PDB file of all heavy atoms in Angstrom:
ATOM      1  N   GLU A   1       0.833  -1.203   0.000  1.00  0.00           N
ATOM      2  CA  GLU A   1       0.000   0.000   0.000  1.00  0.00           C
ATOM      3  C   GLU A   1       0.870   1.257   0.000  1.00  0.00           C
ATOM      4  O   GLU A   1       0.618   2.203  -0.753  1.00  0.00           O
ATOM      5  CB  GLU A   1      -0.924   0.001   1.211  1.00  0.00           C
ATOM      6  CG  GLU A   1      -1.813   1.234   1.270  1.00  0.00           C
ATOM      7  CD  GLU A   1      -2.667   1.295   2.529  1.00  0.00           C
ATOM      8  OE1 GLU A   1      -2.594   0.359   3.348  1.00  0.00           O
ATOM      9  OE2 GLU A   1      -3.395   2.291   2.691  1.00  0.00           O
ATOM     10  N   LEU A   2       1.890   1.274   0.864  1.00  0.00           N
ATOM     11  CA  LEU A   2       2.795   2.425   0.928  1.00  0.00           C
ATOM     12  C   LEU A   2       3.462   2.669  -0.414  1.00  0.00           C
ATOM     13  O   LEU A   2       3.465   3.799  -0.927  1.00  0.00           O
ATOM     14  CB  LEU A   2       3.861   2.183   2.004  1.00  0.00           C
ATOM     15  CG  LEU A   2       5.059   3.146   1.989  1.00  0.00           C
ATOM     16  CD1 LEU A   2       4.613   4.558   2.349  1.00  0.00           C
ATOM     17  CD2 LEU A   2       6.153   2.657   2.942  1.00  0.00           C
ATOM     18  N   PHE A   3       4.024   1.621  -1.001  1.00  0.00           N
ATOM     19  CA  PHE A   3       4.774   1.814  -2.242  1.00  0.00           C
ATOM     20  C   PHE A   3       3.840   2.187  -3.393  1.00  0.00           C
ATOM     21  O   PHE A   3       4.209   2.998  -4.255  1.00  0.00           O
ATOM     22  CB  PHE A   3       5.566   0.551  -2.592  1.00  0.00           C
ATOM     23  CG  PHE A   3       6.637   0.810  -3.608  1.00  0.00           C
ATOM     24  CD1 PHE A   3       7.844   1.361  -3.220  1.00  0.00           C
ATOM     25  CD2 PHE A   3       6.439   0.531  -4.948  1.00  0.00           C
ATOM     26  CE1 PHE A   3       8.840   1.628  -4.149  1.00  0.00           C
ATOM     27  CE2 PHE A   3       7.421   0.787  -5.879  1.00  0.00           C
ATOM     28  CZ  PHE A   3       8.629   1.342  -5.479  1.00  0.00           C
ATOM     29  N   GLY A   4       2.642   1.626  -3.406  1.00  0.00           N
ATOM     30  CA  GLY A   4       1.684   1.986  -4.436  1.00  0.00           C
ATOM     31  C   GLY A   4       1.289   3.449  -4.354  1.00  0.00           C
ATOM     32  O   GLY A   4       1.217   4.153  -5.369  1.00  0.00           O
ATOM     33  N   ARG A   5       1.030   3.933  -3.136  1.00  0.00           N
ATOM     34  CA  ARG A   5       0.660   5.340  -2.963  1.00  0.00           C
ATOM     35  C   ARG A   5       1.835   6.263  -3.277  1.00  0.00           C
ATOM     36  O   ARG A   5       1.654   7.344  -3.847  1.00  0.00           O
ATOM     37  CB  ARG A   5       0.160   5.574  -1.539  1.00  0.00           C
ATOM     38  CG  ARG A   5      -1.171   4.891  -1.238  1.00  0.00           C
ATOM     39  CD  ARG A   5      -1.583   5.091   0.202  1.00  0.00           C
ATOM     40  NE  ARG A   5      -1.766   6.507   0.518  1.00  0.00           N
ATOM     41  CZ  ARG A   5      -1.932   6.966   1.752  1.00  0.00           C
ATOM     42  NH1 ARG A   5      -1.935   6.113   2.790  1.00  0.00           N
ATOM     43  NH2 ARG A   5      -2.102   8.251   1.978  1.00  0.00           N
ATOM     44  N   PHE A   6       3.044   5.836  -2.899  1.00  0.00           N
ATOM     45  CA  PHE A   6       4.238   6.618  -3.210  1.00  0.00           C
ATOM     46  C   PHE A   6       4.431   6.725  -4.727  1.00  0.00           C
ATOM     47  O   PHE A   6       4.662   7.815  -5.262  1.00  0.00           O
ATOM     48  CB  PHE A   6       5.458   5.968  -2.565  1.00  0.00           C
ATOM     49  CG  PHE A   6       6.769   6.565  -2.978  1.00  0.00           C
ATOM     50  CD1 PHE A   6       7.185   7.790  -2.473  1.00  0.00           C
ATOM     51  CD2 PHE A   6       7.595   5.909  -3.879  1.00  0.00           C
ATOM     52  CE1 PHE A   6       8.399   8.347  -2.858  1.00  0.00           C
ATOM     53  CE2 PHE A   6       8.799   6.448  -4.272  1.00  0.00           C
ATOM     54  CZ  PHE A   6       9.212   7.675  -3.758  1.00  0.00           C
ATOM     55  N   SER A   7       4.316   5.607  -5.422  1.00  0.00           N
ATOM     56  CA  SER A   7       4.488   5.603  -6.875  1.00  0.00           C
ATOM     57  C   SER A   7       3.446   6.489  -7.549  1.00  0.00           C
ATOM     58  O   SER A   7       3.760   7.246  -8.483  1.00  0.00           O
ATOM     59  CB  SER A   7       4.400   4.174  -7.415  1.00  0.00           C
ATOM     60  OG  SER A   7       5.407   3.350  -6.855  1.00  0.00           O
ATOM     61  N   ALA A   8       2.205   6.406  -7.079  1.00  0.00           N
ATOM     62  CA  ALA A   8       1.137   7.224  -7.661  1.00  0.00           C
ATOM     63  C   ALA A   8       1.381   8.705  -7.395  1.00  0.00           C
ATOM     64  O   ALA A   8       1.136   9.557  -8.277  1.00  0.00           O
ATOM     65  CB  ALA A   8      -0.214   6.800  -7.085  1.00  0.00           C
ATOM     66  N   LEU A   9       1.861   9.022  -6.211  1.00  0.00           N
ATOM     67  CA  LEU A   9       2.155  10.418  -5.868  1.00  0.00           C
ATOM     68  C   LEU A   9       3.260  10.984  -6.752  1.00  0.00           C
ATOM     69  O   LEU A   9       3.148  12.098  -7.281  1.00  0.00           O
ATOM     70  CB  LEU A   9       2.569  10.498  -4.393  1.00  0.00           C
ATOM     71  CG  LEU A   9       2.978  11.874  -3.851  1.00  0.00           C
ATOM     72  CD1 LEU A   9       1.824  12.859  -3.965  1.00  0.00           C
ATOM     73  CD2 LEU A   9       3.430  11.745  -2.395  1.00  0.00           C
ATOM     74  N   VAL A  10       4.312  10.206  -6.945  1.00  0.00           N
ATOM     75  CA  VAL A  10       5.414  10.638  -7.809  1.00  0.00           C
ATOM     76  C   VAL A  10       4.923  10.810  -9.242  1.00  0.00           C
ATOM     77  O   VAL A  10       5.262  11.781  -9.923  1.00  0.00           O
ATOM     78  CB  VAL A  10       6.584   9.636  -7.741  1.00  0.00           C
ATOM     79  CG1 VAL A  10       7.644   9.969  -8.785  1.00  0.00           C
ATOM     80  CG2 VAL A  10       7.203   9.625  -6.350  1.00  0.00           C
ATOM     81  N   ALA A  11       4.096   9.879  -9.715  1.00  0.00           N
ATOM     82  CA  ALA A  11       3.570   9.953 -11.086  1.00  0.00           C
ATOM     83  C   ALA A  11       2.730  11.205 -11.290  1.00  0.00           C
ATOM     84  O   ALA A  11       2.838  11.886 -12.326  1.00  0.00           O
ATOM     85  CB  ALA A  11       2.753   8.707 -11.401  1.00  0.00           C
ATOM     86  N   ARG A  12       1.896  11.541 -10.298  1.00  0.00           N
ATOM     87  CA  ARG A  12       1.061  12.739 -10.428  1.00  0.00           C
ATOM     88  C   ARG A  12       1.906  14.001 -10.468  1.00  0.00           C
ATOM     89  O   ARG A  12       1.664  14.906 -11.262  1.00  0.00           O
ATOM     90  CB  ARG A  12       0.067  12.823  -9.263  1.00  0.00           C
ATOM     91  CG  ARG A  12      -1.042  11.810  -9.303  1.00  0.00           C
ATOM     92  CD  ARG A  12      -2.226  12.246  -8.432  1.00  0.00           C
ATOM     93  NE  ARG A  12      -1.837  12.565  -7.064  1.00  0.00           N
ATOM     94  CZ  ARG A  12      -1.762  11.670  -6.081  1.00  0.00           C
ATOM     95  NH1 ARG A  12      -2.027  10.381  -6.344  1.00  0.00           N
ATOM     96  NH2 ARG A  12      -1.427  12.034  -4.861  1.00  0.00           N
ATOM     97  N   ALA A  13       2.900  14.060  -9.598  1.00  0.00           N
ATOM     98  CA  ALA A  13       3.734  15.263  -9.525  1.00  0.00           C
ATOM     99  C   ALA A  13       4.548  15.457 -10.801  1.00  0.00           C
ATOM    100  O   ALA A  13       4.638  16.566 -11.331  1.00  0.00           O
ATOM    101  CB  ALA A  13       4.660  15.181  -8.316  1.00  0.00           C
ATOM    102  N   THR A  14       5.145  14.387 -11.283  1.00  0.00           N
ATOM    103  CA  THR A  14       5.989  14.517 -12.474  1.00  0.00           C
ATOM    104  C   THR A  14       5.152  14.745 -13.733  1.00  0.00           C
ATOM    105  O   THR A  14       5.613  15.394 -14.677  1.00  0.00           O
ATOM    106  CB  THR A  14       6.880  13.277 -12.643  1.00  0.00           C
ATOM    107  OG1 THR A  14       6.077  12.091 -12.620  1.00  0.00           O
ATOM    108  CG2 THR A  14       7.911  13.189 -11.513  1.00  0.00           C
ATOM    109  N   SER A  15       3.916  14.250 -13.744  1.00  0.00           N
ATOM    110  CA  SER A  15       3.031  14.516 -14.883  1.00  0.00           C
ATOM    111  C   SER A  15       2.572  15.970 -14.892  1.00  0.00           C
ATOM    112  O   SER A  15       2.417  16.583 -15.954  1.00  0.00           O
ATOM    113  CB  SER A  15       1.806  13.597 -14.837  1.00  0.00           C
ATOM    114  OG  SER A  15       2.190  12.248 -14.987  1.00  0.00           O
ATOM    115  N   ALA A  16       2.365  16.512 -13.696  1.00  0.00           N
ATOM    116  CA  ALA A  16       1.930  17.905 -13.597  1.00  0.00           C
ATOM    117  C   ALA A  16       3.055  18.884 -13.912  1.00  0.00           C
ATOM    118  O   ALA A  16       2.803  20.022 -14.295  1.00  0.00           O
ATOM    119  CB  ALA A  16       1.382  18.172 -12.199  1.00  0.00           C
ATOM    120  N   MET A  17       4.300  18.438 -13.730  1.00  0.00           N
ATOM    121  CA  MET A  17       5.460  19.311 -13.966  1.00  0.00           C
ATOM    122  C   MET A  17       6.451  18.584 -14.864  1.00  0.00           C
ATOM    123  O   MET A  17       7.554  18.228 -14.436  1.00  0.00           O
ATOM    124  CB  MET A  17       6.122  19.675 -12.626  1.00  0.00           C
ATOM    125  CG  MET A  17       5.217  20.452 -11.685  1.00  0.00           C
ATOM    126  SD  MET A  17       5.960  20.764 -10.056  1.00  0.00           S
ATOM    127  CE  MET A  17       5.748  19.142  -9.273  1.00  0.00           C
ATOM    128  N   PRO A  18       6.067  18.330 -16.127  1.00  0.00           N
ATOM    129  CA  PRO A  18       6.917  17.502 -16.996  1.00  0.00           C
ATOM    130  C   PRO A  18       8.316  18.061 -17.201  1.00  0.00           C
ATOM    131  O   PRO A  18       9.277  17.294 -17.336  1.00  0.00           O
ATOM    132  CB  PRO A  18       6.125  17.448 -18.313  1.00  0.00           C
ATOM    133  CG  PRO A  18       5.176  18.590 -18.247  1.00  0.00           C
ATOM    134  CD  PRO A  18       4.839  18.767 -16.804  1.00  0.00           C
ATOM    135  N   SER A  19       8.453  19.376 -17.212  1.00  0.00           N
ATOM    136  CA  SER A  19       9.774  19.964 -17.428  1.00  0.00           C
ATOM    137  C   SER A  19      10.698  19.743 -16.231  1.00  0.00           C
ATOM    138  O   SER A  19      11.921  19.868 -16.352  1.00  0.00           O
ATOM    139  CB  SER A  19       9.651  21.461 -17.706  1.00  0.00           C
ATOM    140  OG  SER A  19       9.152  22.147 -16.575  1.00  0.00           O
ATOM    141  N   ARG A  20      10.112  19.405 -15.064  1.00  0.00           N
ATOM    142  CA  ARG A  20      10.904  19.188 -13.853  1.00  0.00           C
ATOM    143  C   ARG A  20      10.982  17.709 -13.477  1.00  0.00           C
ATOM    144  O   ARG A  20      11.471  17.363 -12.409  1.00  0.00           O
ATOM    145  CB  ARG A  20      10.278  19.968 -12.682  1.00  0.00           C
ATOM    146  CG  ARG A  20      10.211  21.467 -12.887  1.00  0.00           C
ATOM    147  CD  ARG A  20      11.593  22.080 -12.846  1.00  0.00           C
ATOM    148  NE  ARG A  20      12.215  21.904 -11.543  1.00  0.00           N
ATOM    149  CZ  ARG A  20      13.526  22.044 -11.313  1.00  0.00           C
ATOM    150  NH1 ARG A  20      14.340  22.321 -12.316  1.00  0.00           N
ATOM    151  NH2 ARG A  20      14.011  21.875 -10.113  1.00  0.00           N
ATOM    152  N   ARG A  21      10.511  16.851 -14.353  1.00  0.00           N
ATOM    153  CA  ARG A  21      10.398  15.427 -14.044  1.00  0.00           C
ATOM    154  C   ARG A  21      11.725  14.826 -13.576  1.00  0.00           C
ATOM    155  O   ARG A  21      11.812  14.239 -12.488  1.00  0.00           O
ATOM    156  CB  ARG A  21       9.879  14.669 -15.275  1.00  0.00           C
ATOM    157  CG  ARG A  21       9.738  13.167 -15.058  1.00  0.00           C
ATOM    158  CD  ARG A  21       9.261  12.449 -16.306  1.00  0.00           C
ATOM    159  NE  ARG A  21       9.089  11.035 -16.068  1.00  0.00           N
ATOM    160  CZ  ARG A  21       8.018  10.476 -15.542  1.00  0.00           C
ATOM    161  NH1 ARG A  21       6.994  11.227 -15.177  1.00  0.00           N
ATOM    162  NH2 ARG A  21       7.947   9.179 -15.343  1.00  0.00           N
ATOM    163  N   GLN A  22      12.754  14.962 -14.371  1.00  0.00           N
ATOM    164  CA  GLN A  22      14.037  14.349 -14.031  1.00  0.00           C
ATOM    165  C   GLN A  22      14.652  14.994 -12.800  1.00  0.00           C
ATOM    166  O   GLN A  22      15.293  14.314 -11.989  1.00  0.00           O
ATOM    167  CB  GLN A  22      14.994  14.436 -15.225  1.00  0.00           C
ATOM    168  CG  GLN A  22      14.632  13.501 -16.365  1.00  0.00           C
ATOM    169  CD  GLN A  22      14.521  12.049 -15.903  1.00  0.00           C
ATOM    170  OE1 GLN A  22      15.324  11.557 -15.112  1.00  0.00           O
ATOM    171  NE2 GLN A  22      13.497  11.357 -16.398  1.00  0.00           N
ATOM    172  N   ALA A  23      14.451  16.285 -12.634  1.00  0.00           N
ATOM    173  CA  ALA A  23      14.993  16.968 -11.460  1.00  0.00           C
ATOM    174  C   ALA A  23      14.345  16.449 -10.174  1.00  0.00           C
ATOM    175  O   ALA A  23      15.014  16.248  -9.148  1.00  0.00           O
ATOM    176  CB  ALA A  23      14.785  18.475 -11.586  1.00  0.00           C
ATOM    177  N   ILE A  24      13.017  16.226 -10.232  1.00  0.00           N
ATOM    178  CA  ILE A  24      12.305  15.715  -9.056  1.00  0.00           C
ATOM    179  C   ILE A  24      12.761  14.302  -8.725  1.00  0.00           C
ATOM    180  O   ILE A  24      13.073  13.980  -7.569  1.00  0.00           O
ATOM    181  CB  ILE A  24      10.783  15.738  -9.300  1.00  0.00           C
ATOM    182  CG1 ILE A  24      10.284  17.187  -9.392  1.00  0.00           C
ATOM    183  CG2 ILE A  24      10.039  15.003  -8.183  1.00  0.00           C
ATOM    184  CD1 ILE A  24       8.852  17.300  -9.864  1.00  0.00           C
ATOM    185  N   LEU A  25      12.809  13.453  -9.732  1.00  0.00           N
ATOM    186  CA  LEU A  25      13.229  12.067  -9.504  1.00  0.00           C
ATOM    187  C   LEU A  25      14.657  12.010  -8.963  1.00  0.00           C
ATOM    188  O   LEU A  25      14.953  11.245  -8.035  1.00  0.00           O
ATOM    189  CB  LEU A  25      13.124  11.272 -10.805  1.00  0.00           C
ATOM    190  CG  LEU A  25      11.710  11.049 -11.353  1.00  0.00           C
ATOM    191  CD1 LEU A  25      11.772  10.320 -12.688  1.00  0.00           C
ATOM    192  CD2 LEU A  25      10.852  10.277 -10.374  1.00  0.00           C
ATOM    193  N   SER A  26      15.531  12.817  -9.543  1.00  0.00           N
ATOM    194  CA  SER A  26      16.921  12.834  -9.099  1.00  0.00           C
ATOM    195  C   SER A  26      17.035  13.321  -7.656  1.00  0.00           C
ATOM    196  O   SER A  26      17.801  12.768  -6.858  1.00  0.00           O
ATOM    197  CB  SER A  26      17.747  13.733 -10.027  1.00  0.00           C
ATOM    198  OG  SER A  26      19.085  13.802  -9.586  1.00  0.00           O
ATOM    199  N   ALA A  27      16.268  14.348  -7.310  1.00  0.00           N
ATOM    200  CA  ALA A  27      16.322  14.889  -5.949  1.00  0.00           C
ATOM    201  C   ALA A  27      15.875  13.851  -4.924  1.00  0.00           C
ATOM    202  O   ALA A  27      16.349  13.835  -3.784  1.00  0.00           O
ATOM    203  CB  ALA A  27      15.452  16.131  -5.856  1.00  0.00           C
ATOM    204  N   MET A  28      14.965  12.972  -5.318  1.00  0.00           N
ATOM    205  CA  MET A  28      14.464  11.944  -4.413  1.00  0.00           C
ATOM    206  C   MET A  28      15.333  10.690  -4.402  1.00  0.00           C
ATOM    207  O   MET A  28      15.158   9.805  -3.566  1.00  0.00           O
ATOM    208  CB  MET A  28      13.036  11.553  -4.809  1.00  0.00           C
ATOM    209  CG  MET A  28      12.046  12.690  -4.748  1.00  0.00           C
ATOM    210  SD  MET A  28      10.390  12.178  -5.251  1.00  0.00           S
ATOM    211  CE  MET A  28       9.906  11.217  -3.832  1.00  0.00           C
ATOM    212  N   GLY A  29      16.243  10.603  -5.351  1.00  0.00           N
ATOM    213  CA  GLY A  29      17.079   9.410  -5.454  1.00  0.00           C
ATOM    214  C   GLY A  29      16.436   8.294  -6.242  1.00  0.00           C
ATOM    215  O   GLY A  29      16.836   7.132  -6.131  1.00  0.00           O
ATOM    216  N   VAL A  30      15.433   8.625  -7.066  1.00  0.00           N
ATOM    217  CA  VAL A  30      14.682   7.616  -7.814  1.00  0.00           C
ATOM    218  C   VAL A  30      15.209   7.507  -9.237  1.00  0.00           C
ATOM    219  O   VAL A  30      15.315   8.509  -9.943  1.00  0.00           O
ATOM    220  CB  VAL A  30      13.178   7.970  -7.869  1.00  0.00           C
ATOM    221  CG1 VAL A  30      12.422   6.955  -8.720  1.00  0.00           C
ATOM    222  CG2 VAL A  30      12.597   8.037  -6.464  1.00  0.00           C
ATOM    223  N   ARG A  31      15.559   6.291  -9.632  1.00  0.00           N
ATOM    224  CA  ARG A  31      15.787   6.008 -11.048  1.00  0.00           C
ATOM    225  C   ARG A  31      14.477   5.460 -11.599  1.00  0.00           C
ATOM    226  O   ARG A  31      13.913   4.525 -11.040  1.00  0.00           O
ATOM    227  CB  ARG A  31      16.925   5.000 -11.229  1.00  0.00           C
ATOM    228  CG  ARG A  31      18.284   5.541 -10.820  1.00  0.00           C
ATOM    229  CD  ARG A  31      19.381   4.524 -11.137  1.00  0.00           C
ATOM    230  NE  ARG A  31      20.701   5.031 -10.805  1.00  0.00           N
ATOM    231  CZ  ARG A  31      21.272   4.895  -9.611  1.00  0.00           C
ATOM    232  NH1 ARG A  31      20.628   4.255  -8.652  1.00  0.00           N
ATOM    233  NH2 ARG A  31      22.464   5.392  -9.377  1.00  0.00           N
ATOM    234  N   GLU A  32      14.016   6.034 -12.685  1.00  0.00           N
ATOM    235  CA  GLU A  32      12.660   5.777 -13.148  1.00  0.00           C
ATOM    236  C   GLU A  32      12.357   4.288 -13.282  1.00  0.00           C
ATOM    237  O   GLU A  32      11.303   3.807 -12.877  1.00  0.00           O
ATOM    238  CB  GLU A  32      12.431   6.492 -14.477  1.00  0.00           C
ATOM    239  CG  GLU A  32      10.981   6.635 -14.833  1.00  0.00           C
ATOM    240  CD  GLU A  32      10.740   7.726 -15.848  1.00  0.00           C
ATOM    241  OE1 GLU A  32      11.709   8.339 -16.326  1.00  0.00           O
ATOM    242  OE2 GLU A  32       9.571   7.957 -16.167  1.00  0.00           O
ATOM    243  N   ARG A  33      13.273   3.535 -13.844  1.00  0.00           N
ATOM    244  CA  ARG A  33      13.033   2.114 -14.057  1.00  0.00           C
ATOM    245  C   ARG A  33      12.911   1.367 -12.731  1.00  0.00           C
ATOM    246  O   ARG A  33      12.214   0.360 -12.623  1.00  0.00           O
ATOM    247  CB  ARG A  33      14.162   1.525 -14.917  1.00  0.00           C
ATOM    248  CG  ARG A  33      14.021   0.037 -15.212  1.00  0.00           C
ATOM    249  CD  ARG A  33      12.725  -0.277 -15.948  1.00  0.00           C
ATOM    250  NE  ARG A  33      12.416  -1.697 -15.943  1.00  0.00           N
ATOM    251  CZ  ARG A  33      11.250  -2.200 -16.289  1.00  0.00           C
ATOM    252  NH1 ARG A  33      10.272  -1.397 -16.655  1.00  0.00           N
ATOM    253  NH2 ARG A  33      11.045  -3.506 -16.248  1.00  0.00           N
ATOM    254  N   GLU A  34      13.578   1.886 -11.685  1.00  0.00           N
ATOM    255  CA  GLU A  34      13.576   1.204 -10.394  1.00  0.00           C
ATOM    256  C   GLU A  34      12.185   1.144  -9.774  1.00  0.00           C
ATOM    257  O   GLU A  34      11.872   0.202  -9.042  1.00  0.00           O
ATOM    258  CB  GLU A  34      14.537   1.901  -9.422  1.00  0.00           C
ATOM    259  CG  GLU A  34      15.999   1.581  -9.685  1.00  0.00           C
ATOM    260  CD  GLU A  34      16.890   2.191  -8.623  1.00  0.00           C
ATOM    261  OE1 GLU A  34      16.365   2.833  -7.702  1.00  0.00           O
ATOM    262  OE2 GLU A  34      18.116   2.016  -8.723  1.00  0.00           O
ATOM    263  N   LEU A  35      11.351   2.143 -10.030  1.00  0.00           N
ATOM    264  CA  LEU A  35      10.002   2.123  -9.474  1.00  0.00           C
ATOM    265  C   LEU A  35       9.247   0.872  -9.936  1.00  0.00           C
ATOM    266  O   LEU A  35       8.652   0.155  -9.136  1.00  0.00           O
ATOM    267  CB  LEU A  35       9.233   3.380  -9.887  1.00  0.00           C
ATOM    268  CG  LEU A  35       9.564   4.666  -9.128  1.00  0.00           C
ATOM    269  CD1 LEU A  35       8.824   5.839  -9.756  1.00  0.00           C
ATOM    270  CD2 LEU A  35       9.193   4.544  -7.656  1.00  0.00           C
ATOM    271  N   ALA A  36       9.300   0.622 -11.219  1.00  0.00           N
ATOM    272  CA  ALA A  36       8.616  -0.553 -11.755  1.00  0.00           C
ATOM    273  C   ALA A  36       9.280  -1.845 -11.297  1.00  0.00           C
ATOM    274  O   ALA A  36       8.607  -2.817 -10.947  1.00  0.00           O
ATOM    275  CB  ALA A  36       8.593  -0.490 -13.273  1.00  0.00           C
ATOM    276  N   ASP A  37      10.619  -1.860 -11.278  1.00  0.00           N
ATOM    277  CA  ASP A  37      11.336  -3.071 -10.871  1.00  0.00           C
ATOM    278  C   ASP A  37      11.051  -3.416  -9.409  1.00  0.00           C
ATOM    279  O   ASP A  37      10.822  -4.583  -9.052  1.00  0.00           O
ATOM    280  CB  ASP A  37      12.834  -2.898 -11.085  1.00  0.00           C
ATOM    281  CG  ASP A  37      13.219  -2.861 -12.545  1.00  0.00           C
ATOM    282  OD1 ASP A  37      12.382  -3.273 -13.381  1.00  0.00           O
ATOM    283  OD2 ASP A  37      14.343  -2.435 -12.863  1.00  0.00           O
ATOM    284  N   ARG A  38      11.070  -2.401  -8.551  1.00  0.00           N
ATOM    285  CA  ARG A  38      10.843  -2.655  -7.120  1.00  0.00           C
ATOM    286  C   ARG A  38       9.415  -3.123  -6.878  1.00  0.00           C
ATOM    287  O   ARG A  38       9.186  -4.027  -6.070  1.00  0.00           O
ATOM    288  CB  ARG A  38      11.132  -1.405  -6.294  1.00  0.00           C
ATOM    289  CG  ARG A  38      10.910  -1.609  -4.794  1.00  0.00           C
ATOM    290  CD  ARG A  38      11.388  -0.464  -3.969  1.00  0.00           C
ATOM    291  NE  ARG A  38      12.833  -0.397  -3.900  1.00  0.00           N
ATOM    292  CZ  ARG A  38      13.503   0.499  -3.176  1.00  0.00           C
ATOM    293  NH1 ARG A  38      12.862   1.396  -2.475  1.00  0.00           N
ATOM    294  NH2 ARG A  38      14.833   0.498  -3.160  1.00  0.00           N
ATOM    295  N   ALA A  39       8.472  -2.533  -7.571  1.00  0.00           N
ATOM    296  CA  ALA A  39       7.089  -2.973  -7.439  1.00  0.00           C
ATOM    297  C   ALA A  39       6.939  -4.443  -7.819  1.00  0.00           C
ATOM    298  O   ALA A  39       6.228  -5.205  -7.157  1.00  0.00           O
ATOM    299  CB  ALA A  39       6.168  -2.100  -8.298  1.00  0.00           C
ATOM    300  N   GLU A  40       7.627  -4.855  -8.873  1.00  0.00           N
ATOM    301  CA  GLU A  40       7.567  -6.247  -9.316  1.00  0.00           C
ATOM    302  C   GLU A  40       8.191  -7.172  -8.281  1.00  0.00           C
ATOM    303  O   GLU A  40       7.663  -8.257  -7.983  1.00  0.00           O
ATOM    304  CB  GLU A  40       8.278  -6.390 -10.659  1.00  0.00           C
ATOM    305  CG  GLU A  40       8.266  -7.797 -11.242  1.00  0.00           C
ATOM    306  CD  GLU A  40       6.872  -8.283 -11.585  1.00  0.00           C
ATOM    307  OE1 GLU A  40       5.995  -7.438 -11.833  1.00  0.00           O
ATOM    308  OE2 GLU A  40       6.654  -9.515 -11.564  1.00  0.00           O
ATOM    309  N   ILE A  41       9.304  -6.758  -7.686  1.00  0.00           N
ATOM    310  CA  ILE A  41       9.975  -7.558  -6.660  1.00  0.00           C
ATOM    311  C   ILE A  41       9.089  -7.732  -5.440  1.00  0.00           C
ATOM    312  O   ILE A  41       8.963  -8.825  -4.867  1.00  0.00           O
ATOM    313  CB  ILE A  41      11.319  -6.914  -6.269  1.00  0.00           C
ATOM    314  CG1 ILE A  41      12.316  -7.021  -7.430  1.00  0.00           C
ATOM    315  CG2 ILE A  41      11.890  -7.592  -5.015  1.00  0.00           C
ATOM    316  CD1 ILE A  41      13.579  -6.213  -7.211  1.00  0.00           C
ATOM    317  N   ILE A  42       8.430  -6.636  -5.037  1.00  0.00           N
ATOM    318  CA  ILE A  42       7.548  -6.691  -3.859  1.00  0.00           C
ATOM    319  C   ILE A  42       6.412  -7.673  -4.102  1.00  0.00           C
ATOM    320  O   ILE A  42       6.061  -8.491  -3.241  1.00  0.00           O
ATOM    321  CB  ILE A  42       6.992  -5.284  -3.544  1.00  0.00           C
ATOM    322  CG1 ILE A  42       8.122  -4.364  -3.096  1.00  0.00           C
ATOM    323  CG2 ILE A  42       5.926  -5.369  -2.459  1.00  0.00           C
ATOM    324  CD1 ILE A  42       7.709  -2.917  -3.041  1.00  0.00           C
TER     325      ILE A  42
END
């Protein structure tokens, strides 16, 4: 539940601010592919 809500929150924010997408992900320490990979592992 936590990871699903976190992923959805990140998706909403980066969709709303597409020009800042990579900056937001980088600031959080997120590599985009890792979100999907970690969800699959869980």
